[in-house]
Amino acid sequence: MDYPNVDFAYICKINKTTGSNLIHQSGYIRQFGVTISRTTWIPKMPYKEEIIEELKEIEKITNTTQRAITLMLYLMRRQIFNDGNKRTAILCANKVLISNGAGLINIPVELISEFKERLIKYYETKKIKDMIDFIY
């Protein structure tokens, strides 16, 4: 079976689908600055061409699990959309994993608080190794 790539258009489609009737302009790049609760870190404005180039770099990662986790964390930190960035990121990462027969990512309920704390630290430092180890 042929699976579509997780490219910019696909990511936008996932955000549009998950945000349908819930999020204003779901599926479209946000046009305003955002803040993230519990941190002073502010994501930079997203630009389509820049995102496409960054996604191409992630696509070069040969290990499927590593690529999926890196994509997920990139999408969460990049905050491309008005809302639903984490949902979109997890779905896209799982698409990569399932398409390659490599399982899926699921954060157990009892680890969600720790995941969020680690995610905030990742947002602030961009040090990805601790997040990758935690998700593995």
Protein backbone atom coordinates (compact mmCIF):
# COMPACT_ATOMS: atom_id res chain seq x y z
CA MET A 1 0.00 0.00 0.00
CA ASP A 2 1.28 3.48 -0.86
CA TYR A 3 1.11 6.02 1.98
CA PRO A 4 1.27 9.79 1.41
CA ASN A 5 4.27 11.58 2.87
CA VAL A 6 3.95 13.59 6.03
CA ASP A 7 4.76 16.86 4.31
CA PHE A 8 3.55 20.42 4.88
CA ALA A 9 0.25 19.88 3.05
CA TYR A 10 -0.47 16.68 4.98
CA ILE A 11 0.30 18.35 8.32
CA CYS A 12 -2.07 21.21 7.46
CA LYS A 13 -4.76 18.69 6.50
CA ILE A 14 -4.41 16.88 9.84
CA ASN A 15 -4.72 20.17 11.75
CA LYS A 16 -7.74 21.16 9.66
CA THR A 17 -9.42 17.80 10.30
CA THR A 18 -8.75 17.74 14.04
CA GLY A 19 -9.75 21.38 14.45
CA SER A 20 -12.82 21.36 12.23
CA ASN A 21 -15.62 23.34 13.88
CA LEU A 22 -13.41 23.82 16.96
CA ILE A 23 -10.47 26.00 15.97
CA HIS A 24 -10.64 29.27 14.04
CA GLN A 25 -8.76 28.83 10.74
CA SER A 26 -7.69 25.27 11.49
CA GLY A 27 -5.26 23.99 8.90
CA TYR A 28 -3.81 27.44 8.19
CA ILE A 29 -0.54 28.88 9.48
CA ARG A 30 -1.15 31.18 12.43
CA GLN A 31 -0.87 34.90 11.67
CA PHE A 32 -0.25 36.20 15.18
CA GLY A 33 2.20 35.73 18.02
CA VAL A 34 1.48 33.18 20.72
CA THR A 35 2.65 32.44 24.21
CA ILE A 36 2.78 29.10 25.97
CA SER A 37 1.59 28.75 29.53
CA ARG A 38 4.16 28.04 32.25
CA THR A 39 7.05 29.44 30.20
CA THR A 40 8.38 32.78 29.00
CA TRP A 41 9.64 31.18 25.76
CA ILE A 42 7.84 32.57 22.70
CA PRO A 43 7.73 30.62 19.42
CA LYS A 44 8.76 32.55 16.34
CA MET A 45 6.26 33.29 13.60
CA PRO A 46 5.83 30.39 11.19
CA TYR A 47 6.55 30.86 7.48
CA LYS A 48 5.60 28.18 4.97
CA GLU A 49 8.90 28.14 3.06
CA GLU A 50 10.93 27.91 6.26
CA ILE A 51 8.77 25.09 7.61
CA ILE A 52 9.06 23.13 4.37
CA GLU A 53 12.86 23.35 4.55
CA GLU A 54 12.89 22.30 8.21
CA LEU A 55 10.63 19.33 7.41
CA LYS A 56 13.02 18.26 4.63
CA GLU A 57 15.82 18.07 7.21
CA ILE A 58 13.70 15.89 9.50
CA GLU A 59 12.83 13.62 6.55
CA LYS A 60 16.55 12.83 6.16
CA ILE A 61 16.59 10.97 9.49
CA THR A 62 16.85 7.31 8.50
CA ASN A 63 15.67 5.70 11.75
CA THR A 64 11.86 5.70 11.54
CA THR A 65 11.24 6.03 15.28
CA GLN A 66 13.81 8.80 15.63
CA ARG A 67 12.30 10.63 12.63
CA ALA A 68 8.76 10.32 14.00
CA ILE A 69 9.69 11.57 17.47
CA THR A 70 11.77 14.41 16.03
CA LEU A 71 8.87 15.41 13.77
CA MET A 72 6.45 15.33 16.70
CA LEU A 73 8.66 17.48 18.91
CA TYR A 74 9.43 19.89 16.06
CA LEU A 75 5.71 20.42 15.37
CA MET A 76 4.92 20.88 19.05
CA ARG A 77 7.69 23.44 19.55
CA ARG A 78 7.20 25.26 16.23
CA GLN A 79 3.54 26.08 17.02
CA ILE A 80 2.57 26.40 13.36
CA PHE A 81 -1.18 26.63 13.93
CA ASN A 82 -3.58 28.68 16.05
CA ASP A 83 -4.35 25.62 18.18
CA GLY A 84 -4.14 21.85 18.09
CA ASN A 85 -0.39 21.72 17.56
CA LYS A 86 0.23 18.85 19.99
CA ARG A 87 -2.69 16.79 18.62
CA THR A 88 -1.47 17.38 15.08
CA ALA A 89 2.10 16.50 16.04
CA ILE A 90 1.18 13.20 17.68
CA LEU A 91 -1.06 12.15 14.79
CA CYS A 92 1.64 12.98 12.23
CA ALA A 93 4.31 11.12 14.21
CA ASN A 94 2.05 8.09 14.50
CA LYS A 95 1.38 8.24 10.76
CA VAL A 96 5.13 7.95 10.14
CA LEU A 97 5.43 5.06 12.58
CA ILE A 98 2.40 3.10 11.38
CA SER A 99 3.29 3.60 7.70
CA ASN A 100 6.66 2.02 8.42
CA GLY A 101 5.43 -0.76 10.71
CA ALA A 102 7.13 0.77 13.73
CA GLY A 103 4.30 1.00 16.28
CA LEU A 104 2.95 4.25 17.67
CA ILE A 105 3.46 6.94 20.29
CA ASN A 106 1.12 7.05 23.25
CA ILE A 107 1.77 8.99 26.44
CA PRO A 108 0.24 7.01 29.34
CA VAL A 109 -2.15 9.04 31.50
CA GLU A 110 0.06 8.65 34.56
CA LEU A 111 3.00 10.23 32.67
CA ILE A 112 1.20 13.21 31.12
CA SER A 113 2.26 15.65 33.86
CA GLU A 114 5.89 14.60 33.54
CA PHE A 115 5.62 14.77 29.73
CA LYS A 116 4.30 18.35 29.93
CA GLU A 117 7.07 19.40 32.33
CA ARG A 118 9.72 17.92 30.06
CA LEU A 119 8.06 19.50 27.03
CA ILE A 120 8.26 22.96 28.61
CA LYS A 121 11.95 22.38 29.30
CA TYR A 122 12.42 21.32 25.66
CA TYR A 123 10.58 24.44 24.45
CA GLU A 124 12.89 26.63 26.50
CA THR A 125 16.20 24.89 25.70
CA LYS A 126 15.60 23.07 22.38
CA LYS A 127 17.60 20.20 23.90
CA ILE A 128 15.84 17.28 22.30
CA LYS A 129 17.73 14.25 23.66
CA ASP A 130 15.93 14.11 27.03
CA MET A 131 12.54 14.25 25.30
CA ILE A 132 13.50 11.55 22.81
CA ASP A 133 14.73 9.29 25.62
CA PHE A 134 11.54 9.89 27.62
CA ILE A 135 9.29 9.11 24.64
CA TYR A 136 11.23 5.97 23.74
